[in-house]
Amino acid sequence: MKQTFFYLVCLLAVASLIAGCSVLPSPKTAQTSQPSQTSSTTTVPTTGPSPTATISTPSVVTVGAPATEAPTATVTPVPSKTPKPTATAKYAPQVKTANFVKAIDNPYFPLTPGTTLLYDGTKDTSKLISQTIVTKKTRKIMGVTCIEVDTSLTVDDKVTQKTIDWYSQDKSGSVWTFGESVSAYSTAGKVTSTKGSWVAGSNGALPGIIMQAVPSTDLTYRQDYNKGHNEDMAQVLSLNESVTGTSASYTNVLEIKEWSPLQPTIVYNKWYAKGVGLIMTKEVQGGTLELQLTEVTK
């Protein structure tokens, strides 16, 4: 009987222990466990004026500037000095003697030896006369045979400048300029300056194009290049101008703008007629010079 009672007491004690364990609180770690990668979306509150963003987990957040701004990581510091031009921007015309021909018959820039062109005009209140002679002389520059063209400028009946230009035409029809000898004269007839003279292949000077084989609107090109000394540029403005001069009228005239970065305030416009060449020059910025073709003799 006592033994039976003892067993009964033990059974009651075990039952009470089991009941007590079933109501124990869950461990605290269960309340702070992270959601799995497949959990639902979590709302992240913001502290600034930006609206609340809903981010699904897992998610990737890119930190950076807004889309309308350049990312901080790609901002390049401004150099203290102007960087040197890249190799692709370097002016390096390819001169191959076999690529040039003897005659210059570009329709906008024909140079037939023995031809003389006379121009009359004004600069401010002075009277100008310019004479261009296509000579029979030639000169080899960088291995290319060039035709020599002599030009003189008279201001109020006194010679103020003489130039000698050397031109050659390539097989495509473009006319190149390979150099220029410039002599400025005083009123007493003495040479006062040769500034502007250059010869391709000497002292870093390079040839350029005086007339394209096929001019096209907005085409821009170099007429010569000797850094810091000669950097003449040209741009095609029009192919169908009409010009009425003092001696003739022309249609389908080519108009070209010429300038130099070394003298950006001075700009010339020139007009060329097919089969004739230069028919008019006008200083459109920086001065008042105007010249028109008045006579052609061959």
C-alpha atoms as a PDB file:
ATOM      1  CA  MET A   1       0.000   0.000   0.000  1.00  0.00           C
ATOM      2  CA  LYS A   2       2.786   2.392   0.992  1.00  0.00           C
ATOM      3  CA  GLN A   3       4.698   1.355  -2.077  1.00  0.00           C
ATOM      4  CA  THR A   4       1.690   2.004  -4.262  1.00  0.00           C
ATOM      5  CA  PHE A   5       1.200   5.405  -2.655  1.00  0.00           C
ATOM      6  CA  PHE A   6       4.848   6.229  -3.246  1.00  0.00           C
ATOM      7  CA  TYR A   7       4.501   5.452  -6.958  1.00  0.00           C
ATOM      8  CA  LEU A   8       1.388   7.626  -7.168  1.00  0.00           C
ATOM      9  CA  VAL A   9       3.200  10.594  -5.574  1.00  0.00           C
ATOM     10  CA  CYS A  10       6.074  10.244  -8.027  1.00  0.00           C
ATOM     11  CA  LEU A  11       3.707  10.186 -10.988  1.00  0.00           C
ATOM     12  CA  LEU A  12       1.982  13.374  -9.802  1.00  0.00           C
ATOM     13  CA  ALA A  13       5.323  15.125  -9.380  1.00  0.00           C
ATOM     14  CA  VAL A  14       6.419  14.204 -12.907  1.00  0.00           C
ATOM     15  CA  ALA A  15       3.070  15.382 -14.341  1.00  0.00           C
ATOM     16  CA  SER A  16       3.403  18.728 -12.572  1.00  0.00           C
ATOM     17  CA  LEU A  17       6.934  19.174 -13.894  1.00  0.00           C
ATOM     18  CA  ILE A  18       5.814  18.495 -17.475  1.00  0.00           C
ATOM     19  CA  ALA A  19       2.907  20.939 -17.180  1.00  0.00           C
ATOM     20  CA  GLY A  20       5.191  23.656 -15.828  1.00  0.00           C
ATOM     21  CA  CYS A  21       7.665  23.323 -18.730  1.00  0.00           C
ATOM     22  CA  SER A  22       4.893  23.761 -21.334  1.00  0.00           C
ATOM     23  CA  VAL A  23       4.122  27.353 -20.160  1.00  0.00           C
ATOM     24  CA  LEU A  24       7.700  28.634 -19.933  1.00  0.00           C
ATOM     25  CA  PRO A  25       8.295  31.781 -22.094  1.00  0.00           C
ATOM     26  CA  SER A  26      10.149  31.462 -25.379  1.00  0.00           C
ATOM     27  CA  PRO A  27      13.841  32.403 -25.390  1.00  0.00           C
ATOM     28  CA  LYS A  28      14.554  36.135 -26.120  1.00  0.00           C
ATOM     29  CA  THR A  29      16.684  35.262 -29.122  1.00  0.00           C
ATOM     30  CA  ALA A  30      13.561  34.177 -30.966  1.00  0.00           C
ATOM     31  CA  GLN A  31      12.247  37.806 -30.882  1.00  0.00           C
ATOM     32  CA  THR A  32      15.336  39.312 -32.646  1.00  0.00           C
ATOM     33  CA  SER A  33      16.034  36.680 -35.280  1.00  0.00           C
ATOM     34  CA  GLN A  34      16.506  38.067 -38.880  1.00  0.00           C
ATOM     35  CA  PRO A  35      13.957  37.252 -41.566  1.00  0.00           C
ATOM     36  CA  SER A  36      14.918  34.785 -44.196  1.00  0.00           C
ATOM     37  CA  GLN A  37      15.695  35.871 -47.786  1.00  0.00           C
ATOM     38  CA  THR A  38      12.144  34.932 -48.772  1.00  0.00           C
ATOM     39  CA  SER A  39      10.459  37.127 -46.150  1.00  0.00           C
ATOM     40  CA  SER A  40       7.977  39.835 -47.082  1.00  0.00           C
ATOM     41  CA  THR A  41       8.832  43.491 -47.745  1.00  0.00           C
ATOM     42  CA  THR A  42      10.139  45.709 -44.957  1.00  0.00           C
ATOM     43  CA  THR A  43       9.333  49.444 -44.753  1.00  0.00           C
ATOM     44  CA  VAL A  44      12.397  51.597 -44.041  1.00  0.00           C
ATOM     45  CA  PRO A  45      11.502  54.978 -42.529  1.00  0.00           C
ATOM     46  CA  THR A  46      13.449  58.098 -43.543  1.00  0.00           C
ATOM     47  CA  THR A  47      14.504  61.046 -41.460  1.00  0.00           C
ATOM     48  CA  GLY A  48      14.580  63.650 -44.275  1.00  0.00           C
ATOM     49  CA  PRO A  49      12.028  65.021 -46.689  1.00  0.00           C
ATOM     50  CA  SER A  50      12.390  62.043 -49.042  1.00  0.00           C
ATOM     51  CA  PRO A  51       9.376  59.714 -49.184  1.00  0.00           C
ATOM     52  CA  THR A  52       9.424  56.342 -47.380  1.00  0.00           C
ATOM     53  CA  ALA A  53      11.006  53.652 -49.543  1.00  0.00           C
ATOM     54  CA  THR A  54       9.824  50.044 -49.594  1.00  0.00           C
ATOM     55  CA  ILE A  55      12.722  47.644 -50.084  1.00  0.00           C
ATOM     56  CA  SER A  56      12.252  43.938 -50.714  1.00  0.00           C
ATOM     57  CA  THR A  57      14.798  41.712 -49.051  1.00  0.00           C
ATOM     58  CA  PRO A  58      17.226  40.705 -50.228  1.00  0.00           C
ATOM     59  CA  SER A  59      17.894  43.945 -52.186  1.00  0.00           C
ATOM     60  CA  VAL A  60      20.868  45.879 -53.620  1.00  0.00           C
ATOM     61  CA  VAL A  61      21.081  49.602 -52.804  1.00  0.00           C
ATOM     62  CA  THR A  62      23.355  51.760 -55.002  1.00  0.00           C
ATOM     63  CA  VAL A  63      24.880  54.680 -53.156  1.00  0.00           C
ATOM     64  CA  GLY A  64      25.660  57.718 -55.299  1.00  0.00           C
ATOM     65  CA  ALA A  65      24.430  60.998 -56.729  1.00  0.00           C
ATOM     66  CA  PRO A  66      20.967  61.381 -58.279  1.00  0.00           C
ATOM     67  CA  ALA A  67      20.585  60.383 -61.900  1.00  0.00           C
ATOM     68  CA  THR A  68      20.745  64.017 -63.002  1.00  0.00           C
ATOM     69  CA  GLU A  69      24.222  64.470 -61.537  1.00  0.00           C
ATOM     70  CA  ALA A  70      27.568  62.900 -62.347  1.00  0.00           C
ATOM     71  CA  PRO A  71      28.549  60.202 -59.831  1.00  0.00           C
ATOM     72  CA  THR A  72      31.177  61.415 -57.429  1.00  0.00           C
ATOM     73  CA  ALA A  73      33.535  58.627 -58.399  1.00  0.00           C
ATOM     74  CA  THR A  74      33.699  59.778 -62.023  1.00  0.00           C
ATOM     75  CA  VAL A  75      34.409  63.476 -61.425  1.00  0.00           C
ATOM     76  CA  THR A  76      37.766  64.428 -62.968  1.00  0.00           C
ATOM     77  CA  PRO A  77      39.716  67.219 -61.266  1.00  0.00           C
ATOM     78  CA  VAL A  78      40.320  70.293 -63.434  1.00  0.00           C
ATOM     79  CA  PRO A  79      44.030  70.439 -64.331  1.00  0.00           C
ATOM     80  CA  SER A  80      45.961  73.558 -63.445  1.00  0.00           C
ATOM     81  CA  LYS A  81      47.363  73.735 -66.983  1.00  0.00           C
ATOM     82  CA  THR A  82      45.737  73.181 -70.348  1.00  0.00           C
ATOM     83  CA  PRO A  83      46.447  69.573 -71.367  1.00  0.00           C
ATOM     84  CA  LYS A  84      48.432  68.921 -74.517  1.00  0.00           C
ATOM     85  CA  PRO A  85      46.440  67.827 -77.593  1.00  0.00           C
ATOM     86  CA  THR A  86      46.095  64.113 -78.055  1.00  0.00           C
ATOM     87  CA  ALA A  87      47.892  62.310 -80.851  1.00  0.00           C
ATOM     88  CA  THR A  88      44.658  62.040 -82.818  1.00  0.00           C
ATOM     89  CA  ALA A  89      44.364  65.842 -82.940  1.00  0.00           C
ATOM     90  CA  LYS A  90      47.877  66.351 -84.307  1.00  0.00           C
ATOM     91  CA  TYR A  91      48.067  67.904 -87.753  1.00  0.00           C
ATOM     92  CA  ALA A  92      50.231  65.636 -89.893  1.00  0.00           C
ATOM     93  CA  PRO A  93      49.497  65.859 -93.645  1.00  0.00           C
ATOM     94  CA  GLN A  94      50.864  62.993 -95.719  1.00  0.00           C
ATOM     95  CA  VAL A  95      53.063  64.293 -98.552  1.00  0.00           C
ATOM     96  CA  LYS A  96      53.946  61.744-101.229  1.00  0.00           C
ATOM     97  CA  THR A  97      55.643  63.120-104.346  1.00  0.00           C
ATOM     98  CA  ALA A  98      54.014  60.491-106.559  1.00  0.00           C
ATOM     99  CA  ASN A  99      50.597  61.797-105.503  1.00  0.00           C
ATOM    100  CA  PHE A 100      51.095  65.227-107.117  1.00  0.00           C
ATOM    101  CA  VAL A 101      50.665  66.311-110.738  1.00  0.00           C
ATOM    102  CA  LYS A 102      52.304  69.043-112.828  1.00  0.00           C
ATOM    103  CA  ALA A 103      49.280  71.107-113.823  1.00  0.00           C
ATOM    104  CA  ILE A 104      46.889  72.980-111.533  1.00  0.00           C
ATOM    105  CA  ASP A 105      43.443  72.861-113.136  1.00  0.00           C
ATOM    106  CA  ASN A 106      41.095  72.877-110.142  1.00  0.00           C
ATOM    107  CA  PRO A 107      38.017  74.717-111.538  1.00  0.00           C
ATOM    108  CA  TYR A 108      37.922  77.132-108.586  1.00  0.00           C
ATOM    109  CA  PHE A 109      41.702  77.670-108.504  1.00  0.00           C
ATOM    110  CA  PRO A 110      43.179  77.250-111.995  1.00  0.00           C
ATOM    111  CA  LEU A 111      46.806  78.358-112.298  1.00  0.00           C
ATOM    112  CA  THR A 112      47.866  78.494-115.938  1.00  0.00           C
ATOM    113  CA  PRO A 113      51.425  79.835-116.311  1.00  0.00           C
ATOM    114  CA  GLY A 114      51.429  83.206-118.036  1.00  0.00           C
ATOM    115  CA  THR A 115      48.075  84.318-116.581  1.00  0.00           C
ATOM    116  CA  THR A 116      47.783  87.746-114.929  1.00  0.00           C
ATOM    117  CA  LEU A 117      44.869  88.813-112.726  1.00  0.00           C
ATOM    118  CA  LEU A 118      44.253  92.448-111.716  1.00  0.00           C
ATOM    119  CA  TYR A 119      42.173  93.527-108.712  1.00  0.00           C
ATOM    120  CA  ASP A 120      40.993  96.999-107.659  1.00  0.00           C
ATOM    121  CA  GLY A 121      39.668  97.987-104.278  1.00  0.00           C
ATOM    122  CA  THR A 122      39.868 100.111-101.174  1.00  0.00           C
ATOM    123  CA  LYS A 123      40.935  99.986 -97.543  1.00  0.00           C
ATOM    124  CA  ASP A 124      39.558 102.798 -95.417  1.00  0.00           C
ATOM    125  CA  THR A 125      40.179 105.830 -97.648  1.00  0.00           C
ATOM    126  CA  SER A 126      43.124 104.318 -99.547  1.00  0.00           C
ATOM    127  CA  LYS A 127      43.007 102.963-103.087  1.00  0.00           C
ATOM    128  CA  LEU A 128      44.299  99.416-103.590  1.00  0.00           C
ATOM    129  CA  ILE A 129      45.594  97.627-106.677  1.00  0.00           C
ATOM    130  CA  SER A 130      46.650  93.976-106.526  1.00  0.00           C
ATOM    131  CA  GLN A 131      48.335  92.079-109.340  1.00  0.00           C
ATOM    132  CA  THR A 132      48.782  88.305-109.398  1.00  0.00           C
ATOM    133  CA  ILE A 133      51.034  86.636-111.982  1.00  0.00           C
ATOM    134  CA  VAL A 134      51.146  82.865-112.487  1.00  0.00           C
ATOM    135  CA  THR A 135      54.777  82.468-113.492  1.00  0.00           C
ATOM    136  CA  LYS A 136      56.484  79.706-115.413  1.00  0.00           C
ATOM    137  CA  LYS A 137      58.896  79.214-112.545  1.00  0.00           C
ATOM    138  CA  THR A 138      58.773  76.145-110.311  1.00  0.00           C
ATOM    139  CA  ARG A 139      60.356  75.125-107.031  1.00  0.00           C
ATOM    140  CA  LYS A 140      60.705  71.734-105.373  1.00  0.00           C
ATOM    141  CA  ILE A 141      59.507  71.712-101.775  1.00  0.00           C
ATOM    142  CA  MET A 142      59.418  68.468 -99.791  1.00  0.00           C
ATOM    143  CA  GLY A 143      60.121  66.737-103.104  1.00  0.00           C
ATOM    144  CA  VAL A 144      56.999  68.201-104.747  1.00  0.00           C
ATOM    145  CA  THR A 145      57.266  70.452-107.819  1.00  0.00           C
ATOM    146  CA  CYS A 146      55.358  73.659-107.100  1.00  0.00           C
ATOM    147  CA  ILE A 147      54.239  76.487-109.401  1.00  0.00           C
ATOM    148  CA  GLU A 148      55.392  79.950-108.336  1.00  0.00           C
ATOM    149  CA  VAL A 149      52.791  82.739-108.146  1.00  0.00           C
ATOM    150  CA  ASP A 150      53.863  86.385-107.621  1.00  0.00           C
ATOM    151  CA  THR A 151      51.541  88.971-106.101  1.00  0.00           C
ATOM    152  CA  SER A 152      52.101  92.670-105.456  1.00  0.00           C
ATOM    153  CA  LEU A 153      49.891  95.064-103.483  1.00  0.00           C
ATOM    154  CA  THR A 154      49.884  98.797-104.173  1.00  0.00           C
ATOM    155  CA  VAL A 155      48.344 101.290-101.754  1.00  0.00           C
ATOM    156  CA  ASP A 156      47.808 104.784-103.108  1.00  0.00           C
ATOM    157  CA  ASP A 157      50.211 104.091-105.980  1.00  0.00           C
ATOM    158  CA  LYS A 158      53.002 102.786-103.722  1.00  0.00           C
ATOM    159  CA  VAL A 159      54.007  99.137-103.446  1.00  0.00           C
ATOM    160  CA  THR A 160      53.531  98.035 -99.828  1.00  0.00           C
ATOM    161  CA  GLN A 161      53.878  94.260-100.129  1.00  0.00           C
ATOM    162  CA  LYS A 162      55.131  91.538-102.449  1.00  0.00           C
ATOM    163  CA  THR A 163      54.543  87.833-101.955  1.00  0.00           C
ATOM    164  CA  ILE A 164      55.660  84.648-103.692  1.00  0.00           C
ATOM    165  CA  ASP A 165      53.442  81.592-103.157  1.00  0.00           C
ATOM    166  CA  TRP A 166      54.161  77.996-104.131  1.00  0.00           C
ATOM    167  CA  TYR A 167      51.272  75.709-105.084  1.00  0.00           C
ATOM    168  CA  SER A 168      50.846  72.127-106.279  1.00  0.00           C
ATOM    169  CA  GLN A 169      47.826  69.962-107.039  1.00  0.00           C
ATOM    170  CA  ASP A 170      47.348  66.350-105.998  1.00  0.00           C
ATOM    171  CA  LYS A 171      45.755  63.629-108.117  1.00  0.00           C
ATOM    172  CA  SER A 172      42.369  64.098-106.456  1.00  0.00           C
ATOM    173  CA  GLY A 173      42.285  67.756-107.558  1.00  0.00           C
ATOM    174  CA  SER A 174      43.001  69.523-104.261  1.00  0.00           C
ATOM    175  CA  VAL A 175      45.452  72.434-104.486  1.00  0.00           C
ATOM    176  CA  TRP A 176      48.108  72.546-101.776  1.00  0.00           C
ATOM    177  CA  THR A 177      50.142  75.505-100.585  1.00  0.00           C
ATOM    178  CA  PHE A 178      53.780  74.699 -99.760  1.00  0.00           C
ATOM    179  CA  GLY A 179      55.070  78.095 -98.704  1.00  0.00           C
ATOM    180  CA  GLU A 180      55.039  81.844 -99.002  1.00  0.00           C
ATOM    181  CA  SER A 181      57.715  84.525 -99.120  1.00  0.00           C
ATOM    182  CA  VAL A 182      56.416  87.846 -97.786  1.00  0.00           C
ATOM    183  CA  SER A 183      58.170  91.208 -98.110  1.00  0.00           C
ATOM    184  CA  ALA A 184      56.686  94.398 -96.664  1.00  0.00           C
ATOM    185  CA  TYR A 185      57.929  97.733 -98.047  1.00  0.00           C
ATOM    186  CA  SER A 186      58.212 101.215 -96.619  1.00  0.00           C
ATOM    187  CA  THR A 187      57.057 104.280 -98.516  1.00  0.00           C
ATOM    188  CA  ALA A 188      60.705 104.690 -99.558  1.00  0.00           C
ATOM    189  CA  GLY A 189      60.624 101.284-101.255  1.00  0.00           C
ATOM    190  CA  LYS A 190      62.771  99.417 -98.730  1.00  0.00           C
ATOM    191  CA  VAL A 191      61.947  96.007 -97.248  1.00  0.00           C
ATOM    192  CA  THR A 192      60.907  96.484 -93.628  1.00  0.00           C
ATOM    193  CA  SER A 193      59.676  93.006 -92.728  1.00  0.00           C
ATOM    194  CA  THR A 194      59.469  89.424 -93.947  1.00  0.00           C
ATOM    195  CA  LYS A 195      57.070  88.331 -91.206  1.00  0.00           C
ATOM    196  CA  GLY A 196      54.706  85.603 -92.347  1.00  0.00           C
ATOM    197  CA  SER A 197      57.204  83.869 -94.615  1.00  0.00           C
ATOM    198  CA  TRP A 198      57.418  80.095 -94.415  1.00  0.00           C
ATOM    199  CA  VAL A 199      58.436  77.026 -96.415  1.00  0.00           C
ATOM    200  CA  ALA A 200      56.941  73.584 -95.807  1.00  0.00           C
ATOM    201  CA  GLY A 201      59.377  71.143 -94.252  1.00  0.00           C
ATOM    202  CA  SER A 202      61.493  73.927 -92.738  1.00  0.00           C
ATOM    203  CA  ASN A 203      61.427  74.985 -89.065  1.00  0.00           C
ATOM    204  CA  GLY A 204      58.373  72.879 -88.336  1.00  0.00           C
ATOM    205  CA  ALA A 205      56.199  74.374 -91.104  1.00  0.00           C
ATOM    206  CA  LEU A 206      53.702  72.050 -92.815  1.00  0.00           C
ATOM    207  CA  PRO A 207      51.748  72.419 -96.077  1.00  0.00           C
ATOM    208  CA  GLY A 208      48.002  72.904 -96.235  1.00  0.00           C
ATOM    209  CA  ILE A 209      45.095  73.013 -98.680  1.00  0.00           C
ATOM    210  CA  ILE A 210      44.284  76.279-100.424  1.00  0.00           C
ATOM    211  CA  MET A 211      41.406  74.759-102.418  1.00  0.00           C
ATOM    212  CA  GLN A 212      39.580  71.463-101.946  1.00  0.00           C
ATOM    213  CA  ALA A 213      38.974  69.168-104.904  1.00  0.00           C
ATOM    214  CA  VAL A 214      35.302  68.922-103.957  1.00  0.00           C
ATOM    215  CA  PRO A 215      34.268  71.767-101.634  1.00  0.00           C
ATOM    216  CA  SER A 216      31.289  71.026 -99.399  1.00  0.00           C
ATOM    217  CA  THR A 217      29.320  73.329 -97.134  1.00  0.00           C
ATOM    218  CA  ASP A 218      30.750  73.780 -93.618  1.00  0.00           C
ATOM    219  CA  LEU A 219      33.962  71.953 -94.531  1.00  0.00           C
ATOM    220  CA  THR A 220      36.809  73.375 -92.402  1.00  0.00           C
ATOM    221  CA  TYR A 221      40.506  72.802 -93.126  1.00  0.00           C
ATOM    222  CA  ARG A 222      44.028  74.160 -92.639  1.00  0.00           C
ATOM    223  CA  GLN A 223      45.686  76.248 -95.322  1.00  0.00           C
ATOM    224  CA  ASP A 224      49.102  76.035 -93.657  1.00  0.00           C
ATOM    225  CA  TYR A 225      50.575  75.220 -90.261  1.00  0.00           C
ATOM    226  CA  ASN A 226      53.592  76.435 -88.360  1.00  0.00           C
ATOM    227  CA  LYS A 227      52.608  76.565 -84.690  1.00  0.00           C
ATOM    228  CA  GLY A 228      52.629  80.090 -83.348  1.00  0.00           C
ATOM    229  CA  HIS A 229      53.554  81.599 -86.720  1.00  0.00           C
ATOM    230  CA  ASN A 230      51.190  80.445 -89.480  1.00  0.00           C
ATOM    231  CA  GLU A 231      47.891  78.785 -88.611  1.00  0.00           C
ATOM    232  CA  ASP A 232      45.559  79.898 -91.401  1.00  0.00           C
ATOM    233  CA  MET A 233      42.159  78.208 -91.521  1.00  0.00           C
ATOM    234  CA  ALA A 234      39.356  78.103 -94.086  1.00  0.00           C
ATOM    235  CA  GLN A 235      35.679  77.163 -94.026  1.00  0.00           C
ATOM    236  CA  VAL A 236      33.304  76.677 -96.968  1.00  0.00           C
ATOM    237  CA  LEU A 237      30.232  78.886 -96.496  1.00  0.00           C
ATOM    238  CA  SER A 238      28.329  78.458 -99.778  1.00  0.00           C
ATOM    239  CA  LEU A 239      28.497  76.867-103.212  1.00  0.00           C
ATOM    240  CA  ASN A 240      25.842  78.854-105.068  1.00  0.00           C
ATOM    241  CA  GLU A 241      26.441  82.563-104.495  1.00  0.00           C
ATOM    242  CA  SER A 242      25.798  85.200-107.171  1.00  0.00           C
ATOM    243  CA  VAL A 243      28.357  87.998-107.456  1.00  0.00           C
ATOM    244  CA  THR A 244      28.148  91.096-109.626  1.00  0.00           C
ATOM    245  CA  GLY A 245      31.562  92.679-109.965  1.00  0.00           C
ATOM    246  CA  THR A 246      32.864  95.763-111.694  1.00  0.00           C
ATOM    247  CA  SER A 247      33.636  93.835-114.889  1.00  0.00           C
ATOM    248  CA  ALA A 248      31.336  90.783-114.880  1.00  0.00           C
ATOM    249  CA  SER A 249      28.602  88.854-113.099  1.00  0.00           C
ATOM    250  CA  TYR A 250      29.043  85.324-111.794  1.00  0.00           C
ATOM    251  CA  THR A 251      26.721  82.552-110.599  1.00  0.00           C
ATOM    252  CA  ASN A 252      27.302  79.330-108.650  1.00  0.00           C
ATOM    253  CA  VAL A 253      30.143  81.078-106.862  1.00  0.00           C
ATOM    254  CA  LEU A 254      32.062  79.383-104.041  1.00  0.00           C
ATOM    255  CA  GLU A 255      32.296  81.463-100.833  1.00  0.00           C
ATOM    256  CA  ILE A 256      35.008  80.699 -98.275  1.00  0.00           C
ATOM    257  CA  LYS A 257      35.793  82.239 -94.898  1.00  0.00           C
ATOM    258  CA  GLU A 258      39.459  82.597 -93.900  1.00  0.00           C
ATOM    259  CA  TRP A 259      40.956  83.406 -90.498  1.00  0.00           C
ATOM    260  CA  SER A 260      43.759  82.527 -88.108  1.00  0.00           C
ATOM    261  CA  PRO A 261      43.539  81.617 -84.388  1.00  0.00           C
ATOM    262  CA  LEU A 262      46.598  83.843 -83.974  1.00  0.00           C
ATOM    263  CA  GLN A 263      44.503  86.854 -85.089  1.00  0.00           C
ATOM    264  CA  PRO A 264      40.907  85.867 -84.265  1.00  0.00           C
ATOM    265  CA  THR A 265      39.542  89.401 -84.678  1.00  0.00           C
ATOM    266  CA  ILE A 266      40.422  89.484 -88.415  1.00  0.00           C
ATOM    267  CA  VAL A 267      38.219  87.525 -90.835  1.00  0.00           C
ATOM    268  CA  TYR A 268      38.147  87.543 -94.651  1.00  0.00           C
ATOM    269  CA  ASN A 269      35.509  86.175 -96.992  1.00  0.00           C
ATOM    270  CA  LYS A 270      36.607  85.193-100.496  1.00  0.00           C
ATOM    271  CA  TRP A 271      34.559  84.311-103.568  1.00  0.00           C
ATOM    272  CA  TYR A 272      35.730  81.947-106.343  1.00  0.00           C
ATOM    273  CA  ALA A 273      34.171  81.422-109.790  1.00  0.00           C
ATOM    274  CA  LYS A 274      34.653  78.246-111.820  1.00  0.00           C
ATOM    275  CA  GLY A 275      37.155  78.590-114.613  1.00  0.00           C
ATOM    276  CA  VAL A 276      38.378  81.934-113.249  1.00  0.00           C
ATOM    277  CA  GLY A 277      39.501  81.600-109.643  1.00  0.00           C
ATOM    278  CA  LEU A 278      39.423  84.349-107.017  1.00  0.00           C
ATOM    279  CA  ILE A 279      37.028  87.121-108.040  1.00  0.00           C
ATOM    280  CA  MET A 280      36.485  89.044-104.792  1.00  0.00           C
ATOM    281  CA  THR A 281      37.967  89.486-101.304  1.00  0.00           C
ATOM    282  CA  LYS A 282      36.304  91.313 -98.423  1.00  0.00           C
ATOM    283  CA  GLU A 283      37.468  91.866 -94.860  1.00  0.00           C
ATOM    284  CA  VAL A 284      34.271  91.157 -92.912  1.00  0.00           C
ATOM    285  CA  GLN A 285      35.767  91.562 -89.443  1.00  0.00           C
ATOM    286  CA  GLY A 286      38.661  93.680 -88.220  1.00  0.00           C
ATOM    287  CA  GLY A 287      38.970  96.071 -91.188  1.00  0.00           C
ATOM    288  CA  THR A 288      37.501  97.490 -94.372  1.00  0.00           C
ATOM    289  CA  LEU A 289      39.609  95.958 -97.175  1.00  0.00           C
ATOM    290  CA  GLU A 290      37.759  95.104-100.382  1.00  0.00           C
ATOM    291  CA  LEU A 291      39.157  93.850-103.698  1.00  0.00           C
ATOM    292  CA  GLN A 292      37.379  92.839-106.925  1.00  0.00           C
ATOM    293  CA  LEU A 293      38.722  91.192-110.059  1.00  0.00           C
ATOM    294  CA  THR A 294      38.820  93.688-112.928  1.00  0.00           C
ATOM    295  CA  GLU A 295      40.907  92.004-115.621  1.00  0.00           C
ATOM    296  CA  VAL A 296      42.313  88.615-116.620  1.00  0.00           C
ATOM    297  CA  THR A 297      44.990  88.285-119.319  1.00  0.00           C
ATOM    298  CA  LYS A 298      46.669  85.129-120.590  1.00  0.00           C
END
